[in-house]
Amino acid sequence: MIEIYIDGASAGNPGLSGAGIFIKGNGITEKYSVPLGNMTNHEAEFHAFIEALKICIKKGFIHSVVSFRTDSELVNKSFEKAFVKNKLYAPLLKEALDLTKEIDLFFMKWIPSSENKVADELARLAIRKNTSEEPNISI
């Protein structure tokens, strides 16, 4: 099983934002820090979900058991219900749902922030990358 911890963060709401993605399992340990530009914290959480799904597909994890972990109640509940009240997030949820269909065994679980520290640190690093010359993905 591959566990993927995701987090989005914003410096302000809206403000410069980033996504943190921590992948472990099956002998793999990878960390990604993705700058997202200017957006709200909730948008950053959805973008972290989408970016992590794209990485899974690109890496060929589509036939593996993939378990996502997020401390975002909004993302978790929206995924479970396949619905989000705020229309701003609807296209992001749709994109994420479409991407999850490409993975054979996909699961999402809400976890407390205390269990998502690595992804949180990566998201905060990504905020700083918005204004630096560092590469956009992967640390």
N, C-alpha and C. Protein backbone atom coordinates (compact mmCIF):
# COMPACT_ATOMS: atom_id res chain seq x y z
N MET A 1 0.84 -1.18 0.00
CA MET A 1 0.00 0.00 0.00
C MET A 1 0.89 1.25 0.00
N ILE A 2 0.44 2.25 -0.73
CA ILE A 2 1.14 3.52 -0.78
C ILE A 2 0.30 4.55 -0.03
N GLU A 3 0.93 5.22 0.93
CA GLU A 3 0.26 6.26 1.70
C GLU A 3 0.74 7.61 1.19
N ILE A 4 -0.22 8.50 0.95
CA ILE A 4 0.09 9.82 0.44
C ILE A 4 -0.53 10.86 1.36
N TYR A 5 0.32 11.64 1.98
CA TYR A 5 -0.10 12.69 2.89
C TYR A 5 -0.09 14.00 2.11
N ILE A 6 -1.19 14.75 2.16
CA ILE A 6 -1.29 15.99 1.41
C ILE A 6 -1.69 17.15 2.32
N ASP A 7 -1.20 18.34 1.97
CA ASP A 7 -1.61 19.53 2.69
C ASP A 7 -1.44 20.74 1.79
N GLY A 8 -2.34 21.68 1.94
CA GLY A 8 -2.24 22.96 1.26
C GLY A 8 -2.12 24.04 2.31
N ALA A 9 -1.40 25.11 1.98
CA ALA A 9 -1.23 26.20 2.93
C ALA A 9 -1.20 27.52 2.17
N SER A 10 -1.64 28.58 2.85
CA SER A 10 -1.60 29.93 2.28
C SER A 10 -1.04 30.89 3.31
N ALA A 11 -0.27 31.84 2.82
CA ALA A 11 0.24 32.93 3.66
C ALA A 11 -0.72 34.11 3.45
N GLY A 12 -1.81 34.09 4.18
CA GLY A 12 -2.91 35.02 3.96
C GLY A 12 -4.06 34.23 3.36
N ASN A 13 -5.21 34.81 3.32
CA ASN A 13 -6.35 34.05 2.79
C ASN A 13 -7.27 34.99 2.02
N PRO A 14 -6.99 35.25 0.73
CA PRO A 14 -5.99 34.58 -0.11
C PRO A 14 -4.59 35.13 0.10
N GLY A 15 -3.65 34.38 -0.42
CA GLY A 15 -2.25 34.75 -0.35
C GLY A 15 -1.41 33.75 -1.10
N LEU A 16 -0.10 33.94 -1.08
CA LEU A 16 0.78 32.97 -1.72
C LEU A 16 0.55 31.61 -1.09
N SER A 17 0.48 30.59 -1.92
CA SER A 17 0.08 29.27 -1.45
C SER A 17 1.00 28.18 -1.96
N GLY A 18 0.92 27.03 -1.30
CA GLY A 18 1.72 25.89 -1.70
C GLY A 18 1.07 24.59 -1.31
N ALA A 19 1.51 23.54 -1.99
CA ALA A 19 1.04 22.19 -1.72
C ALA A 19 2.20 21.34 -1.24
N GLY A 20 1.94 20.54 -0.21
CA GLY A 20 2.93 19.60 0.29
C GLY A 20 2.42 18.19 0.09
N ILE A 21 3.28 17.33 -0.43
CA ILE A 21 2.90 15.94 -0.73
C ILE A 21 4.01 15.03 -0.24
N PHE A 22 3.65 14.09 0.62
CA PHE A 22 4.61 13.14 1.17
C PHE A 22 4.10 11.74 0.84
N ILE A 23 4.93 10.98 0.10
CA ILE A 23 4.55 9.65 -0.36
C ILE A 23 5.46 8.62 0.30
N LYS A 24 4.84 7.58 0.86
CA LYS A 24 5.65 6.50 1.44
C LYS A 24 4.92 5.17 1.26
N GLY A 25 5.71 4.11 1.19
CA GLY A 25 5.18 2.76 1.06
C GLY A 25 5.79 2.03 -0.10
N ASN A 26 5.79 0.72 -0.04
CA ASN A 26 6.37 -0.13 -1.09
C ASN A 26 7.82 0.27 -1.40
N GLY A 27 8.57 0.62 -0.36
CA GLY A 27 9.97 0.99 -0.54
C GLY A 27 10.18 2.40 -1.09
N ILE A 28 9.13 3.18 -1.15
CA ILE A 28 9.20 4.53 -1.71
C ILE A 28 9.07 5.56 -0.59
N THR A 29 9.88 6.60 -0.64
CA THR A 29 9.71 7.77 0.21
C THR A 29 10.03 8.97 -0.67
N GLU A 30 9.02 9.79 -0.95
CA GLU A 30 9.21 10.96 -1.80
C GLU A 30 8.52 12.16 -1.17
N LYS A 31 9.10 13.33 -1.40
CA LYS A 31 8.55 14.58 -0.89
C LYS A 31 8.46 15.58 -2.03
N TYR A 32 7.32 16.26 -2.10
CA TYR A 32 7.10 17.28 -3.11
C TYR A 32 6.61 18.56 -2.45
N SER A 33 7.12 19.66 -2.94
CA SER A 33 6.75 20.98 -2.46
C SER A 33 6.40 21.81 -3.69
N VAL A 34 5.11 22.09 -3.89
CA VAL A 34 4.62 22.67 -5.14
C VAL A 34 4.07 24.07 -4.89
N PRO A 35 4.73 25.12 -5.41
CA PRO A 35 4.18 26.48 -5.29
C PRO A 35 2.91 26.60 -6.14
N LEU A 36 1.92 27.29 -5.62
CA LEU A 36 0.64 27.38 -6.30
C LEU A 36 0.23 28.80 -6.70
N GLY A 37 1.01 29.78 -6.31
CA GLY A 37 0.62 31.16 -6.61
C GLY A 37 -0.35 31.68 -5.57
N ASN A 38 -1.17 32.64 -5.97
CA ASN A 38 -2.07 33.32 -5.04
C ASN A 38 -3.45 32.67 -5.05
N MET A 39 -3.90 32.19 -3.89
CA MET A 39 -5.22 31.57 -3.75
C MET A 39 -5.58 31.43 -2.28
N THR A 40 -6.79 30.96 -2.01
CA THR A 40 -7.23 30.75 -0.64
C THR A 40 -6.66 29.43 -0.10
N ASN A 41 -6.73 29.27 1.20
CA ASN A 41 -6.27 28.05 1.83
C ASN A 41 -7.05 26.83 1.33
N HIS A 42 -8.38 26.96 1.21
CA HIS A 42 -9.19 25.83 0.74
C HIS A 42 -8.83 25.45 -0.70
N GLU A 43 -8.60 26.46 -1.53
CA GLU A 43 -8.17 26.17 -2.91
C GLU A 43 -6.84 25.41 -2.89
N ALA A 44 -5.92 25.85 -2.03
CA ALA A 44 -4.62 25.18 -1.93
C ALA A 44 -4.77 23.73 -1.50
N GLU A 45 -5.71 23.46 -0.59
CA GLU A 45 -5.96 22.07 -0.16
C GLU A 45 -6.43 21.21 -1.35
N PHE A 46 -7.34 21.74 -2.14
CA PHE A 46 -7.81 20.99 -3.33
C PHE A 46 -6.69 20.81 -4.34
N HIS A 47 -5.89 21.85 -4.55
CA HIS A 47 -4.78 21.73 -5.51
C HIS A 47 -3.74 20.72 -5.02
N ALA A 48 -3.51 20.63 -3.72
CA ALA A 48 -2.60 19.61 -3.19
C ALA A 48 -3.12 18.21 -3.54
N PHE A 49 -4.42 18.02 -3.39
CA PHE A 49 -5.06 16.75 -3.72
C PHE A 49 -4.85 16.44 -5.21
N ILE A 50 -5.12 17.41 -6.06
CA ILE A 50 -5.00 17.23 -7.51
C ILE A 50 -3.55 16.95 -7.90
N GLU A 51 -2.62 17.73 -7.38
CA GLU A 51 -1.20 17.53 -7.72
C GLU A 51 -0.73 16.14 -7.29
N ALA A 52 -1.15 15.70 -6.12
CA ALA A 52 -0.75 14.37 -5.64
C ALA A 52 -1.33 13.27 -6.53
N LEU A 53 -2.57 13.44 -6.96
CA LEU A 53 -3.17 12.46 -7.87
C LEU A 53 -2.40 12.39 -9.18
N LYS A 54 -2.02 13.54 -9.71
CA LYS A 54 -1.25 13.57 -10.96
C LYS A 54 0.08 12.87 -10.80
N ILE A 55 0.73 13.07 -9.65
CA ILE A 55 2.00 12.39 -9.38
C ILE A 55 1.79 10.88 -9.33
N CYS A 56 0.74 10.44 -8.65
CA CYS A 56 0.44 8.99 -8.57
C CYS A 56 0.27 8.38 -9.95
N ILE A 57 -0.47 9.06 -10.79
CA ILE A 57 -0.73 8.55 -12.14
C ILE A 57 0.56 8.53 -12.94
N LYS A 58 1.33 9.61 -12.87
CA LYS A 58 2.60 9.69 -13.60
C LYS A 58 3.58 8.61 -13.14
N LYS A 59 3.58 8.31 -11.85
CA LYS A 59 4.50 7.32 -11.28
C LYS A 59 4.02 5.88 -11.51
N GLY A 60 2.80 5.73 -12.02
CA GLY A 60 2.29 4.39 -12.31
C GLY A 60 1.69 3.67 -11.11
N PHE A 61 1.24 4.43 -10.12
CA PHE A 61 0.64 3.82 -8.94
C PHE A 61 -0.82 3.41 -9.18
N ILE A 62 -1.26 3.44 -10.42
CA ILE A 62 -2.69 3.23 -10.71
C ILE A 62 -3.17 1.82 -10.38
N HIS A 63 -2.27 0.86 -10.30
CA HIS A 63 -2.66 -0.51 -9.97
C HIS A 63 -2.29 -0.88 -8.53
N SER A 64 -1.89 0.10 -7.76
CA SER A 64 -1.54 -0.12 -6.36
C SER A 64 -2.70 0.29 -5.47
N VAL A 65 -2.65 -0.13 -4.22
CA VAL A 65 -3.58 0.40 -3.22
C VAL A 65 -3.02 1.75 -2.79
N VAL A 66 -3.79 2.81 -3.02
CA VAL A 66 -3.34 4.16 -2.74
C VAL A 66 -4.26 4.77 -1.68
N SER A 67 -3.67 5.14 -0.55
CA SER A 67 -4.43 5.70 0.55
C SER A 67 -3.97 7.13 0.81
N PHE A 68 -4.86 8.08 0.52
CA PHE A 68 -4.56 9.49 0.75
C PHE A 68 -4.92 9.85 2.19
N ARG A 69 -4.10 10.72 2.79
CA ARG A 69 -4.35 11.21 4.14
C ARG A 69 -4.36 12.74 4.07
N THR A 70 -5.40 13.36 4.60
CA THR A 70 -5.50 14.81 4.60
C THR A 70 -6.04 15.30 5.94
N ASP A 71 -5.59 16.48 6.35
CA ASP A 71 -6.15 17.09 7.55
C ASP A 71 -7.23 18.12 7.18
N SER A 72 -7.57 18.18 5.90
CA SER A 72 -8.61 19.10 5.43
C SER A 72 -9.97 18.40 5.48
N GLU A 73 -10.80 18.83 6.43
CA GLU A 73 -12.15 18.26 6.50
C GLU A 73 -12.94 18.58 5.25
N LEU A 74 -12.74 19.78 4.68
CA LEU A 74 -13.46 20.16 3.47
C LEU A 74 -13.14 19.22 2.32
N VAL A 75 -11.87 18.96 2.07
CA VAL A 75 -11.48 18.07 0.97
C VAL A 75 -11.99 16.65 1.24
N ASN A 76 -11.81 16.17 2.45
CA ASN A 76 -12.24 14.81 2.78
C ASN A 76 -13.75 14.64 2.61
N LYS A 77 -14.53 15.54 3.20
CA LYS A 77 -15.99 15.43 3.11
C LYS A 77 -16.49 15.64 1.68
N SER A 78 -15.87 16.56 0.96
CA SER A 78 -16.26 16.81 -0.42
C SER A 78 -16.01 15.57 -1.27
N PHE A 79 -14.86 14.92 -1.04
CA PHE A 79 -14.56 13.69 -1.77
C PHE A 79 -15.57 12.60 -1.44
N GLU A 80 -15.84 12.40 -0.14
CA GLU A 80 -16.78 11.36 0.28
C GLU A 80 -18.16 11.55 -0.32
N LYS A 81 -18.63 12.80 -0.36
CA LYS A 81 -19.98 13.09 -0.85
C LYS A 81 -20.01 13.39 -2.35
N ALA A 82 -18.84 13.56 -2.96
CA ALA A 82 -18.73 13.98 -4.36
C ALA A 82 -19.53 15.27 -4.59
N PHE A 83 -19.46 16.16 -3.60
CA PHE A 83 -20.21 17.41 -3.66
C PHE A 83 -19.54 18.45 -2.77
N VAL A 84 -19.57 19.70 -3.23
CA VAL A 84 -19.07 20.81 -2.43
C VAL A 84 -20.04 21.98 -2.60
N LYS A 85 -20.39 22.63 -1.49
CA LYS A 85 -21.37 23.73 -1.52
C LYS A 85 -20.85 24.94 -2.28
N ASN A 86 -19.61 25.33 -2.00
CA ASN A 86 -19.05 26.52 -2.61
C ASN A 86 -18.70 26.24 -4.07
N LYS A 87 -19.35 26.94 -4.97
CA LYS A 87 -19.17 26.71 -6.41
C LYS A 87 -17.73 26.97 -6.88
N LEU A 88 -16.99 27.79 -6.14
CA LEU A 88 -15.59 28.05 -6.48
C LEU A 88 -14.77 26.75 -6.48
N TYR A 89 -15.12 25.83 -5.59
CA TYR A 89 -14.35 24.59 -5.46
C TYR A 89 -14.88 23.46 -6.33
N ALA A 90 -16.05 23.62 -6.92
CA ALA A 90 -16.68 22.55 -7.71
C ALA A 90 -15.78 22.06 -8.86
N PRO A 91 -15.17 22.95 -9.66
CA PRO A 91 -14.31 22.44 -10.74
C PRO A 91 -13.08 21.69 -10.21
N LEU A 92 -12.58 22.13 -9.06
CA LEU A 92 -11.42 21.45 -8.47
C LEU A 92 -11.81 20.06 -7.99
N LEU A 93 -12.96 19.96 -7.34
CA LEU A 93 -13.45 18.65 -6.90
C LEU A 93 -13.68 17.74 -8.10
N LYS A 94 -14.29 18.27 -9.15
CA LYS A 94 -14.56 17.45 -10.35
C LYS A 94 -13.26 16.91 -10.93
N GLU A 95 -12.24 17.78 -11.04
CA GLU A 95 -10.95 17.33 -11.57
C GLU A 95 -10.36 16.23 -10.70
N ALA A 96 -10.42 16.41 -9.39
CA ALA A 96 -9.89 15.39 -8.47
C ALA A 96 -10.66 14.08 -8.60
N LEU A 97 -11.99 14.16 -8.64
CA LEU A 97 -12.80 12.94 -8.77
C LEU A 97 -12.49 12.21 -10.08
N ASP A 98 -12.33 12.97 -11.16
CA ASP A 98 -11.98 12.35 -12.45
C ASP A 98 -10.63 11.65 -12.36
N LEU A 99 -9.67 12.27 -11.70
CA LEU A 99 -8.35 11.65 -11.57
C LEU A 99 -8.39 10.40 -10.70
N THR A 100 -9.20 10.40 -9.65
CA THR A 100 -9.27 9.21 -8.78
C THR A 100 -9.79 8.00 -9.53
N LYS A 101 -10.57 8.22 -10.56
CA LYS A 101 -11.12 7.10 -11.36
C LYS A 101 -10.03 6.35 -12.10
N GLU A 102 -8.87 6.97 -12.26
CA GLU A 102 -7.76 6.31 -12.96
C GLU A 102 -6.97 5.37 -12.05
N ILE A 103 -7.25 5.41 -10.76
CA ILE A 103 -6.54 4.57 -9.78
C ILE A 103 -7.46 3.44 -9.35
N ASP A 104 -7.00 2.21 -9.47
CA ASP A 104 -7.84 1.03 -9.20
C ASP A 104 -8.38 1.00 -7.77
N LEU A 105 -7.52 1.18 -6.78
CA LEU A 105 -7.93 1.11 -5.38
C LEU A 105 -7.51 2.39 -4.65
N PHE A 106 -8.43 3.35 -4.58
CA PHE A 106 -8.16 4.65 -4.01
C PHE A 106 -8.96 4.83 -2.73
N PHE A 107 -8.29 5.32 -1.68
CA PHE A 107 -8.96 5.60 -0.41
C PHE A 107 -8.53 6.98 0.08
N MET A 108 -9.42 7.62 0.83
CA MET A 108 -9.09 8.91 1.45
C MET A 108 -9.48 8.82 2.91
N LYS A 109 -8.61 9.35 3.75
CA LYS A 109 -8.87 9.32 5.19
C LYS A 109 -8.51 10.68 5.79
N TRP A 110 -9.38 11.20 6.64
CA TRP A 110 -9.07 12.42 7.38
C TRP A 110 -8.17 12.05 8.55
N ILE A 111 -7.14 12.87 8.78
CA ILE A 111 -6.25 12.69 9.91
C ILE A 111 -6.09 14.04 10.62
N PRO A 112 -5.77 14.02 11.90
CA PRO A 112 -5.51 15.30 12.58
C PRO A 112 -4.21 15.93 12.08
N SER A 113 -4.13 17.24 12.21
CA SER A 113 -2.94 17.98 11.76
C SER A 113 -1.66 17.43 12.36
N SER A 114 -1.74 16.94 13.59
CA SER A 114 -0.55 16.42 14.27
C SER A 114 0.05 15.20 13.54
N GLU A 115 -0.74 14.53 12.72
CA GLU A 115 -0.25 13.37 11.96
C GLU A 115 0.14 13.75 10.53
N ASN A 116 0.06 15.04 10.22
CA ASN A 116 0.32 15.48 8.85
C ASN A 116 1.44 16.52 8.80
N LYS A 117 2.36 16.42 9.73
CA LYS A 117 3.39 17.45 9.86
C LYS A 117 4.35 17.53 8.68
N VAL A 118 4.70 16.40 8.09
CA VAL A 118 5.64 16.43 6.96
C VAL A 118 5.01 17.15 5.78
N ALA A 119 3.77 16.81 5.45
CA ALA A 119 3.09 17.49 4.33
C ALA A 119 2.90 18.97 4.62
N ASP A 120 2.62 19.31 5.87
CA ASP A 120 2.47 20.72 6.25
C ASP A 120 3.77 21.48 6.05
N GLU A 121 4.88 20.90 6.47
CA GLU A 121 6.19 21.55 6.29
C GLU A 121 6.49 21.74 4.81
N LEU A 122 6.16 20.75 4.00
CA LEU A 122 6.40 20.84 2.56
C LEU A 122 5.52 21.92 1.92
N ALA A 123 4.29 22.06 2.38
CA ALA A 123 3.39 23.10 1.87
C ALA A 123 3.92 24.49 2.23
N ARG A 124 4.43 24.63 3.44
CA ARG A 124 4.98 25.93 3.86
C ARG A 124 6.26 26.26 3.07
N LEU A 125 7.06 25.25 2.78
CA LEU A 125 8.24 25.45 1.93
C LEU A 125 7.80 25.90 0.54
N ALA A 126 6.74 25.32 0.03
CA ALA A 126 6.24 25.68 -1.30
C ALA A 126 5.79 27.13 -1.36
N ILE A 127 5.24 27.65 -0.27
CA ILE A 127 4.86 29.07 -0.24
C ILE A 127 6.09 29.93 -0.50
N ARG A 128 7.20 29.60 0.15
CA ARG A 128 8.44 30.36 -0.03
C ARG A 128 8.98 30.21 -1.45
N LYS A 129 8.74 29.07 -2.08
CA LYS A 129 9.22 28.84 -3.45
C LYS A 129 8.49 29.71 -4.47
N ASN A 130 7.33 30.25 -4.13
CA ASN A 130 6.62 31.12 -5.05
C ASN A 130 7.46 32.32 -5.47
N THR A 131 8.36 32.75 -4.60
CA THR A 131 9.14 33.95 -4.88
C THR A 131 10.63 33.65 -5.02
N SER A 132 10.98 32.39 -5.10
CA SER A 132 12.40 32.04 -5.21
C SER A 132 12.71 31.48 -6.59
N GLU A 133 13.94 31.19 -6.80
CA GLU A 133 14.38 30.62 -8.06
C GLU A 133 14.47 29.09 -7.98
N GLU A 134 13.98 28.52 -6.89
CA GLU A 134 14.06 27.07 -6.72
C GLU A 134 13.14 26.37 -7.72
N PRO A 135 13.43 25.13 -8.07
CA PRO A 135 12.55 24.39 -8.97
C PRO A 135 11.15 24.25 -8.36
N ASN A 136 10.17 24.13 -9.21
CA ASN A 136 8.78 24.13 -8.75
C ASN A 136 8.35 22.84 -8.05
N ILE A 137 8.92 21.73 -8.43
CA ILE A 137 8.43 20.48 -7.84
C ILE A 137 9.60 19.69 -7.29
N SER A 138 9.35 19.01 -6.22
CA SER A 138 10.24 18.02 -5.63
C SER A 138 11.35 18.66 -4.79
N ILE A 139 11.54 18.06 -3.63
CA ILE A 139 12.69 18.46 -2.81
C ILE A 139 13.44 17.21 -2.42
